[in-house]
Amino acid sequence: MRNENETQRITENLEIIREYLKAQFKEFNLTEDQNHGSLYHKFTVVKLKPQVQYKLKVAWKEISDNSPTNIKPLLVNDKVAARMRAAKGDYFSWGWH
């Protein structure tokens, strides 16, 4: 069972990931934001004209094991947005190392 601090950290990390995606995909809408238990969390950003979508699947350990001060630098250093674009509509899976 999660304690209050862990729940707060996870909530903050998810929000930081959302903000990162919104900043990296400015003309896109975040259309899917789904938790899949303690396995992963999925995000999808979509642009309607022209229709383009990029998908991200984040390993739960990235969300639960990192602090809010570390998660954004990890997203940037791992070039998550660029790697999502390179996946060309398939999921880019981040955090399975």
PDB file of N, CA and C in Angstrom:
ATOM      1  N   MET A   1       0.839  -1.185   0.000  1.00  0.00           N
ATOM      2  CA  MET A   1       0.000   0.000   0.000  1.00  0.00           C
ATOM      3  C   MET A   1       0.878   1.240   0.000  1.00  0.00           C
ATOM      4  N   ARG A   2       0.500   2.219  -0.785  1.00  0.00           N
ATOM      5  CA  ARG A   2       1.277   3.453  -0.881  1.00  0.00           C
ATOM      6  C   ARG A   2       1.023   4.362   0.307  1.00  0.00           C
ATOM      7  N   ASN A   3       2.092   5.050   0.706  1.00  0.00           N
ATOM      8  CA  ASN A   3       1.895   6.048   1.743  1.00  0.00           C
ATOM      9  C   ASN A   3       1.587   7.386   1.067  1.00  0.00           C
ATOM     10  N   GLU A   4       1.227   8.359   1.851  1.00  0.00           N
ATOM     11  CA  GLU A   4       0.810   9.659   1.325  1.00  0.00           C
ATOM     12  C   GLU A   4       1.926  10.349   0.541  1.00  0.00           C
ATOM     13  N   ASN A   5       3.171  10.242   0.999  1.00  0.00           N
ATOM     14  CA  ASN A   5       4.294  10.876   0.300  1.00  0.00           C
ATOM     15  C   ASN A   5       4.517  10.252  -1.071  1.00  0.00           C
ATOM     16  N   GLU A   6       4.397   8.925  -1.146  1.00  0.00           N
ATOM     17  CA  GLU A   6       4.579   8.243  -2.427  1.00  0.00           C
ATOM     18  C   GLU A   6       3.467   8.624  -3.407  1.00  0.00           C
ATOM     19  N   THR A   7       2.248   8.690  -2.931  1.00  0.00           N
ATOM     20  CA  THR A   7       1.122   9.092  -3.776  1.00  0.00           C
ATOM     21  C   THR A   7       1.320  10.508  -4.287  1.00  0.00           C
ATOM     22  N   GLN A   8       1.769  11.408  -3.442  1.00  0.00           N
ATOM     23  CA  GLN A   8       2.031  12.795  -3.833  1.00  0.00           C
ATOM     24  C   GLN A   8       3.133  12.861  -4.889  1.00  0.00           C
ATOM     25  N   ARG A   9       4.207  12.105  -4.691  1.00  0.00           N
ATOM     26  CA  ARG A   9       5.327  12.089  -5.645  1.00  0.00           C
ATOM     27  C   ARG A   9       4.860  11.567  -7.010  1.00  0.00           C
ATOM     28  N   ILE A  10       4.076  10.505  -7.014  1.00  0.00           N
ATOM     29  CA  ILE A  10       3.568   9.939  -8.262  1.00  0.00           C
ATOM     30  C   ILE A  10       2.667  10.939  -8.978  1.00  0.00           C
ATOM     31  N   THR A  11       1.783  11.577  -8.237  1.00  0.00           N
ATOM     32  CA  THR A  11       0.889  12.592  -8.808  1.00  0.00           C
ATOM     33  C   THR A  11       1.691  13.731  -9.428  1.00  0.00           C
ATOM     34  N   GLU A  12       2.706  14.206  -8.729  1.00  0.00           N
ATOM     35  CA  GLU A  12       3.552  15.288  -9.249  1.00  0.00           C
ATOM     36  C   GLU A  12       4.319  14.833 -10.482  1.00  0.00           C
ATOM     37  N   ASN A  13       4.860  13.625 -10.463  1.00  0.00           N
ATOM     38  CA  ASN A  13       5.613  13.124 -11.619  1.00  0.00           C
ATOM     39  C   ASN A  13       4.728  12.992 -12.853  1.00  0.00           C
ATOM     40  N   LEU A  14       3.511  12.504 -12.680  1.00  0.00           N
ATOM     41  CA  LEU A  14       2.587  12.413 -13.814  1.00  0.00           C
ATOM     42  C   LEU A  14       2.274  13.794 -14.378  1.00  0.00           C
ATOM     43  N   GLU A  15       2.093  14.761 -13.508  1.00  0.00           N
ATOM     44  CA  GLU A  15       1.821  16.126 -13.966  1.00  0.00           C
ATOM     45  C   GLU A  15       3.028  16.711 -14.703  1.00  0.00           C
ATOM     46  N   ILE A  16       4.217  16.445 -14.242  1.00  0.00           N
ATOM     47  CA  ILE A  16       5.435  16.920 -14.915  1.00  0.00           C
ATOM     48  C   ILE A  16       5.549  16.294 -16.299  1.00  0.00           C
ATOM     49  N   ILE A  17       5.227  15.012 -16.415  1.00  0.00           N
ATOM     50  CA  ILE A  17       5.251  14.356 -17.729  1.00  0.00           C
ATOM     51  C   ILE A  17       4.221  15.004 -18.652  1.00  0.00           C
ATOM     52  N   ARG A  18       3.023  15.260 -18.159  1.00  0.00           N
ATOM     53  CA  ARG A  18       1.985  15.929 -18.964  1.00  0.00           C
ATOM     54  C   ARG A  18       2.463  17.302 -19.432  1.00  0.00           C
ATOM     55  N   GLU A  19       3.042  18.065 -18.525  1.00  0.00           N
ATOM     56  CA  GLU A  19       3.532  19.412 -18.878  1.00  0.00           C
ATOM     57  C   GLU A  19       4.659  19.325 -19.910  1.00  0.00           C
ATOM     58  N   TYR A  20       5.539  18.373 -19.770  1.00  0.00           N
ATOM     59  CA  TYR A  20       6.617  18.155 -20.741  1.00  0.00           C
ATOM     60  C   TYR A  20       6.022  17.868 -22.115  1.00  0.00           C
ATOM     61  N   LEU A  21       5.047  16.976 -22.178  1.00  0.00           N
ATOM     62  CA  LEU A  21       4.428  16.638 -23.459  1.00  0.00           C
ATOM     63  C   LEU A  21       3.724  17.843 -24.075  1.00  0.00           C
ATOM     64  N   LYS A  22       3.023  18.607 -23.262  1.00  0.00           N
ATOM     65  CA  LYS A  22       2.343  19.808 -23.769  1.00  0.00           C
ATOM     66  C   LYS A  22       3.347  20.820 -24.314  1.00  0.00           C
ATOM     67  N   ALA A  23       4.485  20.959 -23.666  1.00  0.00           N
ATOM     68  CA  ALA A  23       5.519  21.896 -24.120  1.00  0.00           C
ATOM     69  C   ALA A  23       6.201  21.407 -25.399  1.00  0.00           C
ATOM     70  N   GLN A  24       6.402  20.108 -25.520  1.00  0.00           N
ATOM     71  CA  GLN A  24       7.097  19.544 -26.673  1.00  0.00           C
ATOM     72  C   GLN A  24       6.187  19.389 -27.891  1.00  0.00           C
ATOM     73  N   PHE A  25       4.899  19.276 -27.655  1.00  0.00           N
ATOM     74  CA  PHE A  25       3.924  19.081 -28.734  1.00  0.00           C
ATOM     75  C   PHE A  25       2.871  20.181 -28.614  1.00  0.00           C
ATOM     76  N   LYS A  26       3.294  21.419 -28.895  1.00  0.00           N
ATOM     77  CA  LYS A  26       2.471  22.606 -28.649  1.00  0.00           C
ATOM     78  C   LYS A  26       1.145  22.624 -29.408  1.00  0.00           C
ATOM     79  N   GLU A  27       1.113  22.142 -30.623  1.00  0.00           N
ATOM     80  CA  GLU A  27      -0.111  22.175 -31.422  1.00  0.00           C
ATOM     81  C   GLU A  27      -0.920  20.885 -31.284  1.00  0.00           C
ATOM     82  N   PHE A  28      -0.607  20.088 -30.294  1.00  0.00           N
ATOM     83  CA  PHE A  28      -1.249  18.799 -30.088  1.00  0.00           C
ATOM     84  C   PHE A  28      -2.115  18.837 -28.834  1.00  0.00           C
ATOM     85  N   ASN A  29      -3.058  17.917 -28.776  1.00  0.00           N
ATOM     86  CA  ASN A  29      -3.876  17.717 -27.577  1.00  0.00           C
ATOM     87  C   ASN A  29      -3.471  16.404 -26.932  1.00  0.00           C
ATOM     88  N   LEU A  30      -3.416  16.408 -25.629  1.00  0.00           N
ATOM     89  CA  LEU A  30      -3.170  15.179 -24.879  1.00  0.00           C
ATOM     90  C   LEU A  30      -4.517  14.458 -24.802  1.00  0.00           C
ATOM     91  N   THR A  31      -4.658  13.360 -25.572  1.00  0.00           N
ATOM     92  CA  THR A  31      -5.967  12.718 -25.690  1.00  0.00           C
ATOM     93  C   THR A  31      -6.089  11.440 -24.885  1.00  0.00           C
ATOM     94  N   GLU A  32      -4.988  10.845 -24.549  1.00  0.00           N
ATOM     95  CA  GLU A  32      -5.044   9.597 -23.780  1.00  0.00           C
ATOM     96  C   GLU A  32      -4.060   9.697 -22.631  1.00  0.00           C
ATOM     97  N   ASP A  33      -4.536   9.362 -21.482  1.00  0.00           N
ATOM     98  CA  ASP A  33      -3.720   9.424 -20.275  1.00  0.00           C
ATOM     99  C   ASP A  33      -4.248   8.299 -19.398  1.00  0.00           C
ATOM    100  N   GLN A  34      -3.634   7.116 -19.518  1.00  0.00           N
ATOM    101  CA  GLN A  34      -4.179   5.941 -18.852  1.00  0.00           C
ATOM    102  C   GLN A  34      -3.152   5.252 -17.967  1.00  0.00           C
ATOM    103  N   ASN A  35      -3.601   4.919 -16.773  1.00  0.00           N
ATOM    104  CA  ASN A  35      -2.782   4.166 -15.838  1.00  0.00           C
ATOM    105  C   ASN A  35      -3.061   2.679 -16.019  1.00  0.00           C
ATOM    106  N   HIS A  36      -2.018   1.891 -16.085  1.00  0.00           N
ATOM    107  CA  HIS A  36      -2.156   0.443 -16.194  1.00  0.00           C
ATOM    108  C   HIS A  36      -1.485  -0.206 -14.988  1.00  0.00           C
ATOM    109  N   GLY A  37      -2.077   0.057 -13.840  1.00  0.00           N
ATOM    110  CA  GLY A  37      -1.603  -0.520 -12.587  1.00  0.00           C
ATOM    111  C   GLY A  37      -0.168  -0.162 -12.279  1.00  0.00           C
ATOM    112  N   SER A  38       0.548  -1.111 -11.763  1.00  0.00           N
ATOM    113  CA  SER A  38       1.943  -0.868 -11.400  1.00  0.00           C
ATOM    114  C   SER A  38       2.887  -1.277 -12.530  1.00  0.00           C
ATOM    115  N   LEU A  39       2.374  -1.357 -13.761  1.00  0.00           N
ATOM    116  CA  LEU A  39       3.201  -1.722 -14.914  1.00  0.00           C
ATOM    117  C   LEU A  39       3.684  -0.502 -15.698  1.00  0.00           C
ATOM    118  N   TYR A  40       2.735   0.337 -16.121  1.00  0.00           N
ATOM    119  CA  TYR A  40       3.090   1.494 -16.948  1.00  0.00           C
ATOM    120  C   TYR A  40       1.939   2.485 -17.003  1.00  0.00           C
ATOM    121  N   HIS A  41       2.235   3.639 -17.575  1.00  0.00           N
ATOM    122  CA  HIS A  41       1.249   4.687 -17.801  1.00  0.00           C
ATOM    123  C   HIS A  41       1.383   5.091 -19.260  1.00  0.00           C
ATOM    124  N   LYS A  42       0.260   5.230 -19.967  1.00  0.00           N
ATOM    125  CA  LYS A  42       0.284   5.572 -21.389  1.00  0.00           C
ATOM    126  C   LYS A  42      -0.223   6.990 -21.613  1.00  0.00           C
ATOM    127  N   PHE A  43       0.426   7.662 -22.574  1.00  0.00           N
ATOM    128  CA  PHE A  43       0.028   8.998 -22.992  1.00  0.00           C
ATOM    129  C   PHE A  43      -0.031   9.012 -24.519  1.00  0.00           C
ATOM    130  N   THR A  44      -0.991   9.763 -25.077  1.00  0.00           N
ATOM    131  CA  THR A  44      -1.058   9.969 -26.520  1.00  0.00           C
ATOM    132  C   THR A  44      -1.317  11.445 -26.772  1.00  0.00           C
ATOM    133  N   VAL A  45      -0.542  12.013 -27.694  1.00  0.00           N
ATOM    134  CA  VAL A  45      -0.778  13.386 -28.122  1.00  0.00           C
ATOM    135  C   VAL A  45      -1.207  13.333 -29.587  1.00  0.00           C
ATOM    136  N   VAL A  46      -2.214  14.153 -29.938  1.00  0.00           N
ATOM    137  CA  VAL A  46      -2.796  14.119 -31.279  1.00  0.00           C
ATOM    138  C   VAL A  46      -2.937  15.529 -31.824  1.00  0.00           C
ATOM    139  N   LYS A  47      -2.622  15.652 -33.102  1.00  0.00           N
ATOM    140  CA  LYS A  47      -2.855  16.881 -33.861  1.00  0.00           C
ATOM    141  C   LYS A  47      -3.835  16.505 -34.957  1.00  0.00           C
ATOM    142  N   LEU A  48      -4.890  17.306 -35.143  1.00  0.00           N
ATOM    143  CA  LEU A  48      -5.931  16.933 -36.094  1.00  0.00           C
ATOM    144  C   LEU A  48      -5.603  17.270 -37.542  1.00  0.00           C
ATOM    145  N   LYS A  49      -4.992  18.422 -37.797  1.00  0.00           N
ATOM    146  CA  LYS A  49      -4.717  18.813 -39.181  1.00  0.00           C
ATOM    147  C   LYS A  49      -3.273  19.233 -39.339  1.00  0.00           C
ATOM    148  N   PRO A  50      -2.462  18.503 -40.067  1.00  0.00           N
ATOM    149  CA  PRO A  50      -2.755  17.158 -40.557  1.00  0.00           C
ATOM    150  C   PRO A  50      -2.781  16.191 -39.379  1.00  0.00           C
ATOM    151  N   GLN A  51      -3.503  15.103 -39.536  1.00  0.00           N
ATOM    152  CA  GLN A  51      -3.643  14.167 -38.417  1.00  0.00           C
ATOM    153  C   GLN A  51      -2.333  13.444 -38.154  1.00  0.00           C
ATOM    154  N   VAL A  52      -1.832  13.657 -36.930  1.00  0.00           N
ATOM    155  CA  VAL A  52      -0.586  13.050 -36.481  1.00  0.00           C
ATOM    156  C   VAL A  52      -0.776  12.683 -35.016  1.00  0.00           C
ATOM    157  N   GLN A  53      -0.238  11.555 -34.618  1.00  0.00           N
ATOM    158  CA  GLN A  53      -0.265  11.211 -33.197  1.00  0.00           C
ATOM    159  C   GLN A  53       1.051  10.570 -32.792  1.00  0.00           C
ATOM    160  N   TYR A  54       1.409  10.815 -31.543  1.00  0.00           N
ATOM    161  CA  TYR A  54       2.601  10.224 -30.959  1.00  0.00           C
ATOM    162  C   TYR A  54       2.206   9.618 -29.625  1.00  0.00           C
ATOM    163  N   LYS A  55       2.816   8.475 -29.305  1.00  0.00           N
ATOM    164  CA  LYS A  55       2.420   7.740 -28.109  1.00  0.00           C
ATOM    165  C   LYS A  55       3.627   7.454 -27.224  1.00  0.00           C
ATOM    166  N   LEU A  56       3.358   7.482 -25.931  1.00  0.00           N
ATOM    167  CA  LEU A  56       4.395   7.229 -24.936  1.00  0.00           C
ATOM    168  C   LEU A  56       3.872   6.238 -23.913  1.00  0.00           C
ATOM    169  N   LYS A  57       4.687   5.237 -23.621  1.00  0.00           N
ATOM    170  CA  LYS A  57       4.389   4.282 -22.559  1.00  0.00           C
ATOM    171  C   LYS A  57       5.541   4.391 -21.560  1.00  0.00           C
ATOM    172  N   VAL A  58       5.220   4.812 -20.340  1.00  0.00           N
ATOM    173  CA  VAL A  58       6.233   5.048 -19.311  1.00  0.00           C
ATOM    174  C   VAL A  58       6.205   3.905 -18.299  1.00  0.00           C
ATOM    175  N   ALA A  59       7.355   3.278 -18.103  1.00  0.00           N
ATOM    176  CA  ALA A  59       7.459   2.217 -17.096  1.00  0.00           C
ATOM    177  C   ALA A  59       7.121   2.807 -15.724  1.00  0.00           C
ATOM    178  N   TRP A  60       6.366   2.053 -14.955  1.00  0.00           N
ATOM    179  CA  TRP A  60       5.933   2.547 -13.651  1.00  0.00           C
ATOM    180  C   TRP A  60       7.105   2.919 -12.756  1.00  0.00           C
ATOM    181  N   LYS A  61       8.242   2.219 -12.885  1.00  0.00           N
ATOM    182  CA  LYS A  61       9.384   2.532 -12.028  1.00  0.00           C
ATOM    183  C   LYS A  61       9.909   3.939 -12.285  1.00  0.00           C
ATOM    184  N   GLU A  62       9.777   4.456 -13.510  1.00  0.00           N
ATOM    185  CA  GLU A  62      10.200   5.832 -13.782  1.00  0.00           C
ATOM    186  C   GLU A  62       9.324   6.814 -13.008  1.00  0.00           C
ATOM    187  N   ILE A  63       8.048   6.499 -12.927  1.00  0.00           N
ATOM    188  CA  ILE A  63       7.101   7.377 -12.245  1.00  0.00           C
ATOM    189  C   ILE A  63       7.229   7.253 -10.732  1.00  0.00           C
ATOM    190  N   SER A  64       7.358   6.047 -10.253  1.00  0.00           N
ATOM    191  CA  SER A  64       7.331   5.837  -8.804  1.00  0.00           C
ATOM    192  C   SER A  64       8.692   5.988  -8.123  1.00  0.00           C
ATOM    193  N   ASP A  65       9.775   5.735  -8.853  1.00  0.00           N
ATOM    194  CA  ASP A  65      11.098   5.734  -8.217  1.00  0.00           C
ATOM    195  C   ASP A  65      11.847   7.054  -8.316  1.00  0.00           C
ATOM    196  N   ASN A  66      11.374   7.978  -9.119  1.00  0.00           N
ATOM    197  CA  ASN A  66      12.063   9.260  -9.289  1.00  0.00           C
ATOM    198  C   ASN A  66      11.362  10.368  -8.535  1.00  0.00           C
ATOM    199  N   SER A  67      12.137  11.353  -8.156  1.00  0.00           N
ATOM    200  CA  SER A  67      11.560  12.513  -7.475  1.00  0.00           C
ATOM    201  C   SER A  67      11.080  13.509  -8.524  1.00  0.00           C
ATOM    202  N   PRO A  68      10.153  14.391  -8.168  1.00  0.00           N
ATOM    203  CA  PRO A  68       9.697  15.405  -9.103  1.00  0.00           C
ATOM    204  C   PRO A  68      10.832  16.309  -9.620  1.00  0.00           C
ATOM    205  N   THR A  69      11.868  16.495  -8.854  1.00  0.00           N
ATOM    206  CA  THR A  69      12.980  17.328  -9.337  1.00  0.00           C
ATOM    207  C   THR A  69      13.835  16.589 -10.367  1.00  0.00           C
ATOM    208  N   ASN A  70      13.768  15.265 -10.385  1.00  0.00           N
ATOM    209  CA  ASN A  70      14.574  14.483 -11.327  1.00  0.00           C
ATOM    210  C   ASN A  70      13.854  14.101 -12.601  1.00  0.00           C
ATOM    211  N   ILE A  71      12.539  14.035 -12.587  1.00  0.00           N
ATOM    212  CA  ILE A  71      11.813  13.460 -13.720  1.00  0.00           C
ATOM    213  C   ILE A  71      11.941  14.303 -14.991  1.00  0.00           C
ATOM    214  N   LYS A  72      11.845  15.626 -14.890  1.00  0.00           N
ATOM    215  CA  LYS A  72      11.953  16.444 -16.107  1.00  0.00           C
ATOM    216  C   LYS A  72      13.347  16.365 -16.726  1.00  0.00           C
ATOM    217  N   PRO A  73      14.427  16.489 -15.945  1.00  0.00           N
ATOM    218  CA  PRO A  73      15.748  16.314 -16.562  1.00  0.00           C
ATOM    219  C   PRO A  73      15.912  14.942 -17.226  1.00  0.00           C
ATOM    220  N   LEU A  74      15.310  13.914 -16.658  1.00  0.00           N
ATOM    221  CA  LEU A  74      15.379  12.596 -17.280  1.00  0.00           C
ATOM    222  C   LEU A  74      14.653  12.584 -18.623  1.00  0.00           C
ATOM    223  N   LEU A  75      13.476  13.196 -18.680  1.00  0.00           N
ATOM    224  CA  LEU A  75      12.733  13.289 -19.939  1.00  0.00           C
ATOM    225  C   LEU A  75      13.551  14.015 -21.005  1.00  0.00           C
ATOM    226  N   VAL A  76      14.175  15.112 -20.607  1.00  0.00           N
ATOM    227  CA  VAL A  76      14.976  15.922 -21.535  1.00  0.00           C
ATOM    228  C   VAL A  76      16.229  15.157 -21.959  1.00  0.00           C
ATOM    229  N   ASN A  77      16.976  14.645 -20.993  1.00  0.00           N
ATOM    230  CA  ASN A  77      18.232  13.946 -21.305  1.00  0.00           C
ATOM    231  C   ASN A  77      18.014  12.689 -22.137  1.00  0.00           C
ATOM    232  N   ASP A  78      16.906  11.999 -21.918  1.00  0.00           N
ATOM    233  CA  ASP A  78      16.590  10.799 -22.689  1.00  0.00           C
ATOM    234  C   ASP A  78      15.917  11.120 -24.026  1.00  0.00           C
ATOM    235  N   LYS A  79      15.715  12.408 -24.285  1.00  0.00           N
ATOM    236  CA  LYS A  79      15.128  12.870 -25.562  1.00  0.00           C
ATOM    237  C   LYS A  79      13.826  12.142 -25.872  1.00  0.00           C
ATOM    238  N   VAL A  80      12.960  12.098 -24.876  1.00  0.00           N
ATOM    239  CA  VAL A  80      11.718  11.349 -24.989  1.00  0.00           C
ATOM    240  C   VAL A  80      10.856  11.859 -26.142  1.00  0.00           C
ATOM    241  N   ALA A  81      10.678  13.167 -26.280  1.00  0.00           N
ATOM    242  CA  ALA A  81       9.830  13.698 -27.357  1.00  0.00           C
ATOM    243  C   ALA A  81      10.391  13.336 -28.727  1.00  0.00           C
ATOM    244  N   ALA A  82      11.685  13.475 -28.920  1.00  0.00           N
ATOM    245  CA  ALA A  82      12.300  13.133 -30.206  1.00  0.00           C
ATOM    246  C   ALA A  82      12.146  11.641 -30.486  1.00  0.00           C
ATOM    247  N   ARG A  83      12.271  10.836 -29.473  1.00  0.00           N
ATOM    248  CA  ARG A  83      12.140   9.389 -29.649  1.00  0.00           C
ATOM    249  C   ARG A  83      10.686   8.994 -29.905  1.00  0.00           C
ATOM    250  N   MET A  84       9.730   9.744 -29.348  1.00  0.00           N
ATOM    251  CA  MET A  84       8.325   9.517 -29.666  1.00  0.00           C
ATOM    252  C   MET A  84       8.081   9.816 -31.143  1.00  0.00           C
ATOM    253  N   ARG A  85       8.644  10.928 -31.619  1.00  0.00           N
ATOM    254  CA  ARG A  85       8.487  11.276 -33.039  1.00  0.00           C
ATOM    255  C   ARG A  85       9.104  10.211 -33.935  1.00  0.00           C
ATOM    256  N   ALA A  86      10.248   9.693 -33.541  1.00  0.00           N
ATOM    257  CA  ALA A  86      10.932   8.663 -34.332  1.00  0.00           C
ATOM    258  C   ALA A  86      10.140   7.359 -34.363  1.00  0.00           C
ATOM    259  N   ALA A  87       9.305   7.115 -33.367  1.00  0.00           N
ATOM    260  CA  ALA A  87       8.494   5.896 -33.329  1.00  0.00           C
ATOM    261  C   ALA A  87       7.356   5.928 -34.351  1.00  0.00           C
ATOM    262  N   LYS A  88       7.099   7.087 -34.935  1.00  0.00           N
ATOM    263  CA  LYS A  88       6.130   7.258 -36.035  1.00  0.00           C
ATOM    264  C   LYS A  88       4.753   6.668 -35.737  1.00  0.00           C
ATOM    265  N   GLY A  89       4.186   7.038 -34.610  1.00  0.00           N
ATOM    266  CA  GLY A  89       2.830   6.617 -34.287  1.00  0.00           C
ATOM    267  C   GLY A  89       2.751   5.371 -33.419  1.00  0.00           C
ATOM    268  N   ASP A  90       3.826   4.601 -33.353  1.00  0.00           N
ATOM    269  CA  ASP A  90       3.865   3.467 -32.430  1.00  0.00           C
ATOM    270  C   ASP A  90       4.253   4.000 -31.048  1.00  0.00           C
ATOM    271  N   TYR A  91       4.043   3.190 -30.041  1.00  0.00           N
ATOM    272  CA  TYR A  91       4.433   3.626 -28.697  1.00  0.00           C
ATOM    273  C   TYR A  91       5.947   3.667 -28.569  1.00  0.00           C
ATOM    274  N   PHE A  92       6.450   4.764 -27.993  1.00  0.00           N
ATOM    275  CA  PHE A  92       7.832   4.778 -27.532  1.00  0.00           C
ATOM    276  C   PHE A  92       7.755   4.378 -26.061  1.00  0.00           C
ATOM    277  N   SER A  93       8.463   3.342 -25.700  1.00  0.00           N
ATOM    278  CA  SER A  93       8.455   2.851 -24.315  1.00  0.00           C
ATOM    279  C   SER A  93       9.684   3.406 -23.591  1.00  0.00           C
ATOM    280  N   TRP A  94       9.417   4.153 -22.547  1.00  0.00           N
ATOM    281  CA  TRP A  94      10.477   4.810 -21.783  1.00  0.00           C
ATOM    282  C   TRP A  94      10.582   4.193 -20.391  1.00  0.00           C
ATOM    283  N   GLY A  95      11.796   3.852 -20.015  1.00  0.00           N
ATOM    284  CA  GLY A  95      12.043   3.418 -18.652  1.00  0.00           C
ATOM    285  C   GLY A  95      12.265   1.928 -18.479  1.00  0.00           C
ATOM    286  N   TRP A  96      12.359   1.210 -19.566  1.00  0.00           N
ATOM    287  CA  TRP A  96      12.635  -0.223 -19.465  1.00  0.00           C
ATOM    288  C   TRP A  96      14.105  -0.459 -19.741  1.00  0.00           C
ATOM    289  N   HIS A  97      14.989  -0.008 -18.802  1.00  0.00           N
ATOM    290  CA  HIS A  97      16.425  -0.241 -18.998  1.00  0.00           C
ATOM    291  C   HIS A  97      16.965  -1.081 -17.882  1.00  0.00           C
TER     292      HIS A  97
END
